[in-house]
N, C-alpha and C. Protein backbone atom coordinates (compact mmCIF):
# COMPACT_ATOMS: atom_id res chain seq x y z
N MET A 1 56.12 48.41 100.92
CA MET A 1 56.73 47.65 100.09
C MET A 1 56.94 48.51 98.15
N LEU A 2 55.48 49.26 98.04
CA LEU A 2 55.57 49.85 96.63
C LEU A 2 56.50 51.08 96.65
N TRP A 3 56.59 51.94 97.86
CA TRP A 3 57.42 52.71 98.05
C TRP A 3 58.90 52.33 98.04
N THR A 4 59.22 51.25 98.61
CA THR A 4 60.34 50.94 98.45
C THR A 4 61.00 50.71 97.12
N ILE A 5 60.19 49.91 96.19
CA ILE A 5 60.04 50.00 94.81
C ILE A 5 60.37 50.88 94.50
N ILE A 6 59.47 51.96 94.55
CA ILE A 6 59.42 53.43 93.97
C ILE A 6 60.65 54.15 93.97
N VAL A 7 61.52 54.09 95.14
CA VAL A 7 62.76 54.78 95.65
C VAL A 7 63.94 53.83 95.00
N ILE A 8 63.90 52.35 94.90
CA ILE A 8 64.96 52.09 94.16
C ILE A 8 65.09 52.11 92.73
N LEU A 9 63.76 52.40 91.93
CA LEU A 9 63.94 52.41 90.24
C LEU A 9 64.25 54.28 90.35
N VAL A 10 63.94 55.10 91.11
CA VAL A 10 64.28 56.28 90.79
C VAL A 10 66.04 56.58 91.47
N ILE A 11 66.42 55.96 92.03
CA ILE A 11 67.91 55.38 92.79
C ILE A 11 68.91 55.18 91.29
N LEU A 12 68.41 54.01 90.64
CA LEU A 12 68.44 52.94 89.35
C LEU A 12 68.55 54.10 87.86
N TRP A 13 67.72 54.86 87.95
CA TRP A 13 67.20 56.44 87.20
C TRP A 13 68.65 56.88 87.33
N LEU A 14 68.73 57.33 88.56
CA LEU A 14 69.37 58.57 88.76
C LEU A 14 70.88 58.01 88.56
N LEU A 15 71.56 56.89 89.18
CA LEU A 15 73.05 56.34 88.45
C LEU A 15 72.90 56.54 87.02
N GLY A 16 71.73 55.71 86.14
CA GLY A 16 71.79 55.43 84.65
C GLY A 16 72.24 57.07 84.29
N PHE A 17 71.31 58.35 84.67
CA PHE A 17 71.00 59.32 83.95
C PHE A 17 72.86 60.13 83.91
N PHE A 18 73.30 59.86 85.54
CA PHE A 18 74.71 60.61 85.90
C PHE A 18 75.84 59.87 86.10
N GLY A 19 75.23 58.54 85.66
CA GLY A 19 76.58 57.63 86.23
C GLY A 19 77.61 57.82 85.36
N ARG A 20 77.13 58.35 84.27
CA ARG A 20 78.65 58.50 82.78
C ARG A 20 79.44 59.45 83.51
N SER A 21 78.71 60.76 83.94
CA SER A 21 79.40 61.89 83.98
C SER A 21 80.59 61.36 85.16
N ILE A 22 80.17 61.05 86.15
CA ILE A 22 80.54 60.90 86.99
C ILE A 22 82.08 59.69 87.35
N PHE A 23 81.50 58.59 86.99
CA PHE A 23 81.85 57.32 86.11
C PHE A 23 82.65 57.16 85.05
N PRO A 24 83.61 57.83 84.59
CA PRO A 24 83.49 57.03 83.00
C PRO A 24 83.38 55.85 82.47
N LYS A 25 83.61 54.95 83.21
CA LYS A 25 83.74 53.62 82.99
C LYS A 25 82.56 52.45 83.19
N PHE A 26 81.60 54.06 83.52
CA PHE A 26 79.94 53.27 84.18
C PHE A 26 79.49 52.73 82.97
N PRO A 27 78.36 51.82 82.52
CA PRO A 27 78.38 50.96 81.26
C PRO A 27 77.05 51.75 80.69
N ARG A 28 77.34 52.19 79.22
CA ARG A 28 75.94 53.17 78.89
C ARG A 28 74.54 52.39 79.07
N THR A 29 73.28 53.03 79.34
CA THR A 29 72.35 52.83 79.54
C THR A 29 71.37 52.56 78.71
N GLY A 30 71.68 53.66 77.80
CA GLY A 30 70.45 54.13 76.82
C GLY A 30 69.06 54.13 76.98
N ASN A 31 68.46 53.22 76.88
CA ASN A 31 66.49 53.60 76.79
C ASN A 31 66.36 53.07 78.12
N TRP A 32 67.08 52.45 78.81
CA TRP A 32 66.79 52.31 80.21
C TRP A 32 66.28 52.95 81.32
N ILE A 33 67.07 54.26 80.77
CA ILE A 33 67.01 55.41 81.59
C ILE A 33 65.37 55.69 82.01
N HIS A 34 64.89 55.73 80.44
CA HIS A 34 63.28 56.26 80.31
C HIS A 34 62.72 55.20 80.37
N LEU A 35 63.04 54.20 80.46
CA LEU A 35 61.59 52.95 80.83
C LEU A 35 61.61 53.03 82.47
N LEU A 36 62.68 53.32 83.15
CA LEU A 36 62.49 52.96 84.61
C LEU A 36 62.28 54.30 84.74
N ILE A 37 61.86 55.71 84.54
CA ILE A 37 60.87 56.68 85.00
C ILE A 37 59.65 56.52 84.58
N VAL A 38 59.34 56.01 83.53
CA VAL A 38 58.36 56.26 82.80
C VAL A 38 57.52 54.73 84.33
N ILE A 39 58.09 53.72 84.58
CA ILE A 39 57.96 52.69 85.65
C ILE A 39 57.34 53.40 86.69
N VAL A 40 58.42 54.58 87.16
CA VAL A 40 58.19 55.13 88.46
C VAL A 40 57.27 56.12 88.46
N VAL A 41 56.75 56.61 87.39
CA VAL A 41 55.81 58.18 87.48
C VAL A 41 54.53 56.90 87.67
N LEU A 42 54.48 55.95 86.76
CA LEU A 42 52.98 55.00 86.38
C LEU A 42 52.70 54.47 88.07
N LEU A 43 53.65 54.49 88.56
CA LEU A 43 53.75 53.66 90.12
C LEU A 43 53.02 54.78 90.96
N VAL A 44 53.91 55.96 90.42
CA VAL A 44 52.83 56.74 91.70
C VAL A 44 51.66 57.34 91.20
N ILE A 45 51.41 57.17 90.27
CA ILE A 45 50.27 57.79 89.96
C ILE A 45 49.42 56.92 90.54
N LEU A 46 49.42 55.35 90.09
CA LEU A 46 48.66 54.58 90.29
C LEU A 46 48.46 54.56 92.12
N ASN A 47 49.87 54.77 92.65
CA ASN A 47 49.62 54.89 94.10
C ASN A 47 48.57 55.74 94.63
N LEU A 48 48.76 57.38 93.99
CA LEU A 48 47.91 57.93 94.40
C LEU A 48 46.43 58.06 94.03
N LEU A 49 46.09 57.08 93.52
CA LEU A 49 45.02 57.09 92.97
C LEU A 49 44.17 55.92 93.90
N GLY A 50 44.74 55.27 94.31
CA GLY A 50 44.42 54.09 95.25
C GLY A 50 44.12 52.54 94.54
N ILE A 51 44.77 52.88 93.17
CA ILE A 51 44.96 51.51 92.54
C ILE A 51 45.58 50.47 93.21
N ILE A 52 46.41 50.55 93.60
CA ILE A 52 47.77 49.85 93.71
C ILE A 52 47.74 49.50 95.82
């Protein structure tokens, strides 16, 4: 279940990061990109440590 959330967050982060260059009408995401990658990294670290 956790890996599904991580994959979804990574996909959303990639869409936010590359979305404007691929689709010019794609909405600006601003700091959401950085927030998503921080959440993904934290979830991966917690999962590897066995806390979650």
